[in-house]
Protein backbone atom coordinates (compact mmCIF):
# COMPACT_ATOMS: atom_id res chain seq x y z
CA MET A 1 9.63 47.15 112.99
CA ALA A 2 10.55 44.42 110.41
CA PRO A 3 14.09 42.97 110.99
CA SER A 4 15.42 44.18 107.61
CA ARG A 5 14.13 47.70 108.14
CA ALA A 6 15.56 47.69 111.69
CA VAL A 7 19.05 46.72 110.27
CA TYR A 8 18.81 49.32 107.58
CA THR A 9 17.90 52.10 110.12
CA SER A 10 20.59 51.18 112.56
CA VAL A 11 23.23 51.17 109.78
CA ARG A 12 22.09 54.38 108.46
CA ALA A 13 22.05 55.94 111.90
CA ALA A 14 25.69 54.72 112.57
CA LEU A 15 26.92 56.02 109.41
CA HIS A 16 25.53 59.48 110.12
CA ARG A 17 27.48 59.62 113.39
CA PRO A 18 30.99 61.14 113.27
CA VAL A 19 33.60 58.41 113.26
CA SER A 20 36.27 58.60 116.09
CA LEU A 21 39.70 58.83 114.60
CA SER A 22 40.88 57.13 117.85
CA SER A 23 39.37 53.88 116.71
CA PRO A 24 42.03 51.07 116.56
CA HIS A 25 40.44 49.78 113.31
CA LEU A 26 40.15 53.01 111.46
CA HIS A 27 43.74 53.11 110.29
CA HIS A 28 43.99 49.42 109.23
CA ARG A 29 41.14 49.13 106.79
CA ARG A 30 38.82 51.27 104.75
CA LEU A 31 35.28 51.29 106.06
CA ILE A 32 32.98 49.51 103.71
CA SER A 33 30.12 51.62 102.22
CA ALA A 34 26.68 50.39 103.23
CA TYR A 35 23.61 51.09 101.11
CA GLY A 36 25.73 53.49 98.82
CA TYR A 37 27.15 55.52 101.72
CA GLU A 38 30.67 56.75 101.17
CA GLN A 39 33.17 57.03 103.95
CA ALA A 40 35.08 60.32 103.61
CA LYS A 41 37.91 62.04 105.36
CA VAL A 42 38.65 65.74 105.31
CA LEU A 43 41.77 67.79 106.55
CA ALA A 44 39.78 70.28 108.65
CA LEU A 45 40.15 73.07 111.22
CA SER A 46 38.00 74.41 113.90
CA SER A 47 39.98 77.66 114.43
CA LEU A 48 42.44 79.82 112.56
CA GLY A 49 46.28 79.52 113.27
CA GLU A 50 49.39 77.79 111.95
CA PRO A 51 48.49 74.56 110.14
CA LYS A 52 50.46 72.44 112.58
CA ASP A 53 48.37 73.72 115.44
CA VAL A 54 44.87 73.65 114.00
CA LEU A 55 44.60 71.01 111.27
CA HIS A 56 43.05 67.54 111.98
CA LEU A 57 41.49 64.76 110.17
CA HIS A 58 37.75 64.27 110.43
CA SER A 59 35.79 61.38 109.14
CA HIS A 60 32.15 61.46 108.05
CA SER A 61 29.62 59.66 105.66
CA ILE A 62 28.09 60.80 102.49
CA ALA A 63 24.59 59.62 101.59
CA PRO A 64 23.80 58.26 98.01
CA PRO A 65 23.15 61.29 95.76
CA HIS A 66 19.69 62.18 94.76
CA SER A 67 18.01 64.95 92.61
CA ASP A 68 20.81 67.36 91.48
CA LEU A 69 23.57 66.03 93.66
CA LEU A 70 26.97 64.43 92.77
CA THR A 71 29.42 62.36 94.77
CA LEU A 72 33.02 63.08 94.02
CA ARG A 73 36.20 61.14 94.82
CA PHE A 74 39.22 63.36 94.81
CA LEU A 75 42.10 62.42 92.69
CA ALA A 76 44.67 65.27 93.32
CA SER A 77 44.58 68.54 95.50
CA PRO A 78 47.64 70.87 95.55
CA ILE A 79 48.82 72.87 98.61
CA ASN A 80 49.11 76.56 97.51
CA PRO A 81 50.52 79.38 99.59
CA ALA A 82 47.06 81.06 99.52
CA ASP A 83 45.60 77.91 101.25
CA ILE A 84 48.09 78.41 104.12
CA ASN A 85 47.23 82.15 104.36
CA GLN A 86 43.47 81.26 104.70
CA ILE A 87 44.18 78.91 107.55
CA GLN A 88 46.37 81.59 109.18
CA GLY A 89 43.41 83.97 108.81
CA VAL A 90 45.45 86.55 106.68
CA TYR A 91 43.82 86.02 103.27
CA PRO A 92 41.08 88.26 101.96
CA THR A 93 38.59 85.39 101.63
CA ARG A 94 37.57 83.52 104.73
CA LEU A 95 36.99 79.85 105.20
CA ALA A 96 33.52 78.65 105.45
CA PHE A 97 32.86 77.10 108.88
CA GLY A 98 29.81 74.81 109.40
CA THR A 99 28.49 71.66 110.91
CA SER A 100 27.32 69.92 107.81
CA LEU A 101 29.97 67.27 108.01
CA GLY A 102 28.52 65.85 111.37
CA THR A 103 30.51 67.82 113.87
CA THR A 104 29.07 69.47 116.93
CA GLU A 105 31.58 72.44 116.62
CA PRO A 106 31.94 74.29 113.24
CA ILE A 107 34.78 73.21 111.07
CA ALA A 108 36.13 74.28 107.73
CA VAL A 109 37.95 72.17 105.09
CA GLY A 110 41.37 73.33 103.69
CA GLY A 111 42.35 73.59 100.10
CA ASN A 112 40.93 75.53 97.13
CA GLU A 113 42.17 73.72 94.01
CA GLY A 114 42.10 70.10 92.78
CA VAL A 115 40.53 67.51 90.57
CA ALA A 116 37.87 64.88 91.49
CA GLU A 117 36.07 62.06 89.67
CA VAL A 118 32.25 61.71 89.62
CA ILE A 119 31.49 58.45 91.13
CA ALA A 120 27.76 58.80 91.63
CA LYS A 121 25.02 61.19 90.49
CA GLY A 122 21.34 61.88 91.32
CA GLY A 123 18.66 61.42 88.82
CA GLY A 124 18.18 65.11 88.09
CA VAL A 125 21.90 65.71 86.98
CA LYS A 126 22.31 66.51 83.28
CA GLY A 127 25.53 66.97 81.34
CA VAL A 128 27.72 65.07 83.84
CA GLU A 129 28.48 61.37 83.85
CA LYS A 130 30.07 58.92 86.30
CA GLY A 131 33.86 58.90 85.44
CA ASP A 132 33.99 62.61 84.37
CA TRP A 133 36.61 64.54 86.04
CA VAL A 134 35.70 67.95 87.63
CA ILE A 135 37.48 71.06 88.83
CA MET A 136 35.95 73.38 91.38
CA LYS A 137 34.42 76.42 89.81
CA ASN A 138 35.05 78.84 92.77
CA GLN A 139 37.44 79.32 95.64
CA GLY A 140 36.44 77.98 99.08
CA PHE A 141 35.08 74.50 98.26
CA GLY A 142 37.63 72.74 100.48
CA THR A 143 39.53 70.27 98.32
CA TRP A 144 41.68 68.48 100.99
CA ARG A 145 39.29 65.67 101.26
CA THR A 146 38.88 62.06 99.98
CA HIS A 147 35.23 62.56 98.87
CA ALA A 148 32.73 65.26 98.69
CA GLU A 149 29.02 66.08 97.71
CA THR A 150 28.18 68.90 95.37
CA LYS A 151 26.05 70.28 92.57
CA VAL A 152 26.67 70.81 88.91
CA GLU A 153 26.87 74.60 89.16
CA GLN A 154 29.85 74.27 91.52
CA ILE A 155 32.08 72.51 89.08
CA VAL A 156 33.81 72.65 85.71
CA VAL A 157 33.56 69.43 83.95
CA VAL A 158 36.69 67.86 82.19
CA LYS A 159 35.48 65.35 79.79
CA GLY A 160 37.48 62.36 78.55
CA GLU A 161 38.81 64.07 75.40
CA ASP A 162 39.97 67.11 77.44
CA ARG A 163 41.96 64.88 79.91
CA GLU A 164 43.20 62.30 77.48
CA GLY A 165 46.80 61.46 78.18
CA LEU A 166 47.00 63.63 81.27
CA ARG A 167 47.66 62.80 84.94
CA PRO A 168 45.36 63.92 87.71
CA GLU A 169 48.02 66.25 89.13
CA GLN A 170 48.25 68.09 85.83
CA VAL A 171 44.56 68.71 85.69
CA GLY A 172 44.31 69.43 89.35
CA THR A 173 46.78 72.31 89.14
CA VAL A 174 45.51 74.17 86.09
CA SER A 175 43.01 76.58 87.60
CA VAL A 176 45.29 78.83 89.63
CA ASN A 177 49.02 79.27 88.54
CA PRO A 178 48.55 78.86 84.79
CA MET A 179 45.35 80.90 84.80
CA THR A 180 47.04 83.69 86.74
CA ALA A 181 49.94 83.86 84.31
CA TRP A 182 47.71 83.75 81.20
CA ARG A 183 45.46 86.60 82.35
CA MET A 184 48.30 88.81 83.45
CA LEU A 185 50.13 88.43 80.23
CA ARG A 186 47.02 89.13 78.23
CA ASP A 187 44.79 91.52 80.06
CA PHE A 188 46.92 94.50 81.10
CA VAL A 189 49.13 95.13 78.04
CA SER A 190 48.89 94.17 74.41
CA LEU A 191 52.40 92.83 74.09
CA LYS A 192 53.78 92.34 70.63
CA GLU A 193 56.17 89.69 69.50
CA GLY A 194 59.65 90.53 70.52
CA GLU A 195 58.51 92.73 73.40
CA TRP A 196 59.65 91.90 76.90
CA PHE A 197 58.05 91.35 80.36
CA VAL A 198 60.11 91.12 83.53
CA GLN A 199 58.98 89.11 86.66
CA ASN A 200 60.24 88.19 90.01
CA GLY A 201 59.42 84.80 91.65
CA ALA A 202 60.17 83.38 88.23
CA ASN A 203 60.63 79.81 89.52
CA SER A 204 57.21 79.94 91.21
CA GLY A 205 54.25 78.04 89.59
CA VAL A 206 53.02 81.24 88.04
CA GLY A 207 56.46 82.29 86.98
CA ARG A 208 57.11 79.04 85.17
CA ALA A 209 53.71 79.21 83.54
CA ALA A 210 54.44 82.84 82.31
CA VAL A 211 57.76 81.83 80.85
CA GLN A 212 56.26 79.14 78.80
CA LEU A 213 53.10 80.95 77.61
CA GLY A 214 55.15 84.05 76.87
CA LYS A 215 57.44 81.92 74.68
CA LEU A 216 54.51 80.30 72.84
CA TRP A 217 53.14 83.85 72.17
CA GLY A 218 56.46 85.37 71.07
CA TYR A 219 57.21 87.46 74.08
CA LYS A 220 60.64 87.71 75.64
CA SER A 221 61.11 87.30 79.50
CA LEU A 222 63.63 88.60 82.02
CA ASN A 223 63.28 86.40 85.00
CA ILE A 224 64.40 87.21 88.54
CA VAL A 225 64.91 84.46 91.24
CA ARG A 226 66.19 84.49 94.81
CA LYS A 227 69.81 83.83 95.23
CA ARG A 228 70.63 80.57 96.81
CA ASP A 229 73.72 78.86 98.02
CA SER A 230 73.44 75.63 95.88
CA GLY A 231 71.45 74.65 92.68
CA MET A 232 71.64 78.09 91.19
CA GLU A 233 72.87 77.05 87.92
CA ASP A 234 70.60 74.19 87.63
CA LEU A 235 67.54 76.51 88.34
CA LYS A 236 68.81 78.92 85.67
CA ALA A 237 69.12 76.05 83.18
CA ASP A 238 65.73 74.77 84.06
CA LEU A 239 64.01 78.06 83.41
CA THR A 240 65.98 78.56 80.21
CA SER A 241 64.92 75.15 79.04
CA LEU A 242 61.22 76.34 79.42
CA GLY A 243 61.91 79.44 77.24
CA ALA A 244 63.30 82.05 79.52
CA ASP A 245 65.49 84.56 77.63
CA ALA A 246 67.39 85.71 80.73
CA VAL A 247 67.51 84.46 84.39
CA VAL A 248 69.24 86.52 86.98
CA THR A 249 69.22 86.64 90.82
CA ASP A 250 67.71 89.43 92.86
CA GLU A 251 71.30 90.50 93.76
CA GLU A 252 72.24 90.71 90.14
CA PHE A 253 69.20 92.60 89.09
CA GLU A 254 69.74 95.26 91.74
CA SER A 255 73.42 95.83 91.03
CA LYS A 256 74.52 99.25 89.83
CA ASP A 257 75.69 98.04 86.40
CA PHE A 258 72.53 96.01 85.62
CA ARG A 259 71.08 98.77 83.50
CA ASP A 260 73.79 98.11 80.95
CA ARG A 261 72.86 94.36 80.89
CA VAL A 262 69.13 95.32 80.20
CA LYS A 263 70.16 97.62 77.34
CA GLU A 264 72.25 94.80 75.95
CA LEU A 265 69.37 92.36 76.11
CA THR A 266 66.88 94.58 74.69
CA ASN A 267 68.65 95.41 71.55
CA GLY A 268 69.96 98.68 72.83
CA GLY A 269 66.65 99.48 74.37
CA ARG A 270 64.85 99.16 71.05
CA GLU A 271 62.72 96.20 72.44
CA PRO A 272 60.65 97.79 75.26
CA ILE A 273 59.88 96.03 78.54
CA ARG A 274 56.24 96.90 78.75
CA LEU A 275 54.91 94.56 81.50
CA GLY A 276 56.17 93.62 84.99
CA LEU A 277 54.85 90.76 87.21
CA ASN A 278 55.40 90.92 90.97
CA CYS A 279 54.74 88.29 93.56
CA VAL A 280 57.55 89.33 96.00
CA GLY A 281 56.98 93.04 96.97
CA GLY A 282 59.60 95.25 98.71
CA PRO A 283 62.33 97.42 97.19
CA LEU A 284 62.85 94.93 94.25
CA VAL A 285 59.62 96.10 92.64
CA GLY A 286 60.83 99.71 92.62
CA SER A 287 64.12 98.47 90.82
CA MET A 288 61.93 96.51 88.24
CA ALA A 289 59.69 99.46 87.49
CA LYS A 290 62.71 101.64 86.58
CA HIS A 291 63.48 99.37 83.61
CA LEU A 292 59.88 99.58 82.33
CA ALA A 293 59.10 101.47 79.20
CA ALA A 294 56.78 104.60 79.35
CA GLY A 295 53.10 103.63 79.87
CA ALA A 296 54.03 100.03 80.99
CA HIS A 297 52.13 98.16 83.72
CA MET A 298 53.46 96.57 86.83
CA VAL A 299 50.99 93.88 88.09
CA THR A 300 51.23 92.63 91.67
CA TYR A 301 49.65 89.16 92.38
CA GLY A 302 51.49 88.22 95.53
CA ALA A 303 53.62 89.58 98.48
CA MET A 304 55.91 86.72 99.47
CA SER A 305 58.32 89.11 101.24
CA LYS A 306 55.57 90.59 103.20
CA LYS A 307 57.03 93.99 102.51
CA PRO A 308 55.11 96.92 100.81
CA VAL A 309 55.43 98.07 97.32
CA LYS A 310 56.72 101.67 97.14
CA LEU A 311 55.63 103.71 94.17
CA PRO A 312 58.42 105.88 92.67
CA THR A 313 56.64 109.33 92.11
CA GLY A 314 58.66 110.16 89.10
CA LEU A 315 57.73 107.05 87.28
CA LEU A 316 54.10 107.74 87.99
CA ILE A 317 54.18 111.29 86.78
CA PHE A 318 56.84 111.39 83.92
CA LYS A 319 56.63 107.70 82.61
CA ASP A 320 52.99 107.03 83.29
CA ILE A 321 53.84 103.58 84.81
CA HIS A 322 50.63 101.89 85.88
CA PHE A 323 50.66 99.77 89.14
CA ASP A 324 47.88 97.13 89.06
CA GLY A 325 46.79 94.24 91.12
CA PHE A 326 45.45 90.88 90.06
CA TRP A 327 43.54 88.20 92.05
CA VAL A 328 42.75 85.20 90.05
CA SER A 329 39.95 84.03 92.37
CA LYS A 330 38.08 87.29 91.95
CA TRP A 331 38.63 87.08 88.10
CA SER A 332 37.43 83.48 88.10
CA ASP A 333 34.24 84.31 90.00
CA ALA A 334 33.49 87.12 87.49
CA ASN A 335 34.27 85.21 84.37
CA PRO A 336 33.27 81.55 84.74
CA ARG A 337 33.03 80.91 80.96
CA ASP A 338 36.45 82.44 80.19
CA LYS A 339 37.87 80.35 83.05
CA GLU A 340 36.52 77.23 81.56
CA ALA A 341 37.88 78.11 78.11
CA CYS A 342 41.32 79.01 79.62
CA ILE A 343 41.36 75.68 81.43
CA LYS A 344 40.66 73.71 78.24
CA GLU A 345 43.29 75.62 76.35
CA VAL A 346 46.03 75.05 78.95
CA LEU A 347 45.12 71.39 79.08
CA LYS A 348 45.25 71.28 75.31
CA LEU A 349 48.80 72.79 75.42
CA THR A 350 49.83 70.29 78.07
CA ARG A 351 48.56 67.26 76.00
CA GLU A 352 50.60 68.59 73.02
CA GLY A 353 53.78 68.89 75.15
CA LYS A 354 53.88 72.64 74.65
CA PHE A 355 53.23 73.29 78.46
CA LYS A 356 55.05 71.57 81.43
CA ASP A 357 53.38 71.51 84.78
CA VAL A 358 55.38 72.61 87.74
CA PRO A 359 57.70 70.21 89.60
CA MET A 360 55.76 68.56 92.39
CA SER A 361 56.56 66.86 95.78
CA PRO A 362 53.55 64.45 96.12
CA VAL A 363 52.14 63.15 99.28
CA THR A 364 50.01 60.08 98.92
CA TRP A 365 46.69 60.14 100.74
CA ASN A 366 45.44 56.67 101.41
CA HIS A 367 42.65 55.64 103.82
CA ASP A 368 45.23 54.87 106.45
CA THR A 369 47.47 57.69 106.02
CA LYS A 370 48.26 59.40 109.33
CA GLN A 371 47.19 62.75 110.27
CA ASP A 372 50.76 63.97 111.17
CA GLU A 373 52.02 63.14 107.56
CA LEU A 374 49.19 65.23 105.97
CA VAL A 375 49.56 68.15 108.39
CA SER A 376 53.42 68.15 107.92
CA ALA A 377 53.00 68.48 104.13
CA VAL A 378 50.75 71.57 104.65
CA GLN A 379 53.04 73.29 107.25
CA GLY A 380 56.21 72.75 105.18
CA THR A 381 54.83 74.57 102.05
CA LEU A 382 56.13 78.08 103.04
CA GLU A 383 59.38 76.75 104.71
CA GLY A 384 62.62 77.42 102.71
CA PHE A 385 63.44 76.25 99.22
CA ARG A 386 61.40 73.38 98.01
CA SER A 387 62.00 70.86 95.32
CA GLY A 388 58.46 71.00 94.02
CA LYS A 389 54.88 72.09 94.72
CA GLY A 390 53.20 70.01 97.51
CA ILE A 391 50.22 68.10 96.37
CA PHE A 392 48.02 65.38 97.79
CA LEU A 393 47.59 62.38 95.44
CA PHE A 394 44.75 60.15 96.52
CA GLY A 395 45.29 56.47 96.34
CA ASN A 396 43.13 53.90 98.21
CA THR A 397 40.62 56.03 99.87
């Protein structure tokens, strides 16, 4: 074998072998790509469980793209509650385990949302260029990674004009929370200007998006948040600044005299509350339903309290209240074109300053970022009150 070919073959073989994370050199410098190979890291799991017990970093190499393949470098990947539920094995969709990343045992990559940049493409790729930003089209891609290989049919392309003036974390968080709020406000009830919706979990990503979109469309919102010992007034002021018409705690909402407050807010009851949005569950939902107008819809998209929703029989029979469920992943899979249009519209509103992204608690992911730091960011997502959404921002990877 010629010397040059021997060197090429040995390098290629080495790059295909999984890289040991115990190597003393791995955390001090980024491995240099040879012959176009990208050195990637993923936050993976080989079994289901609590993130702190099952997540680990895995390194692998990605060959230069050919034919219809793209190589992506991730820019931002949020940590959503649904991601944690998938890792725990309590979410309807299952993680995809396999050995395509050079492991002997099957692993899966966490994360379902994010934005990446195209850094290389195969000769058969049309309509996508190097430098374009992309969002994953479907759930289950695994976005907690520095680099990835994919095909055009798996992405939504965000061209330069659509992302102009936007940060990666704004683009990387557009396809779940804003999309959920948008579809629930539009698809279940044809609200008219001046009509109300009521929602719990109002300070969540979906809740904040619903407040803003509702305000833009002329709807009024009654917003319920969990009572907390400190920062309550600041929270109420924050939601009010986004366009909330009323912000109350769950205790206030469930008090005996709150019906009088609702009557006062809704102009003596002449402005109906025709839509409810629920991500909490439990007895609070029944209390919300009692304030809904006849024929209204209560849409459930989460269950943070892990308590069941009890349906009051009288409201079903005599007021014809409809109880619906909404799962944005299922909707997105069934409506890819509508999803793309919705993404572009939210990004447009963001560029125009009409839509604010959710407060974030960024975790920088560099090549030498330690495994414990990344795992701790995931584990902490569902623990207590947080100052912002956890999100991985990729630096020198």
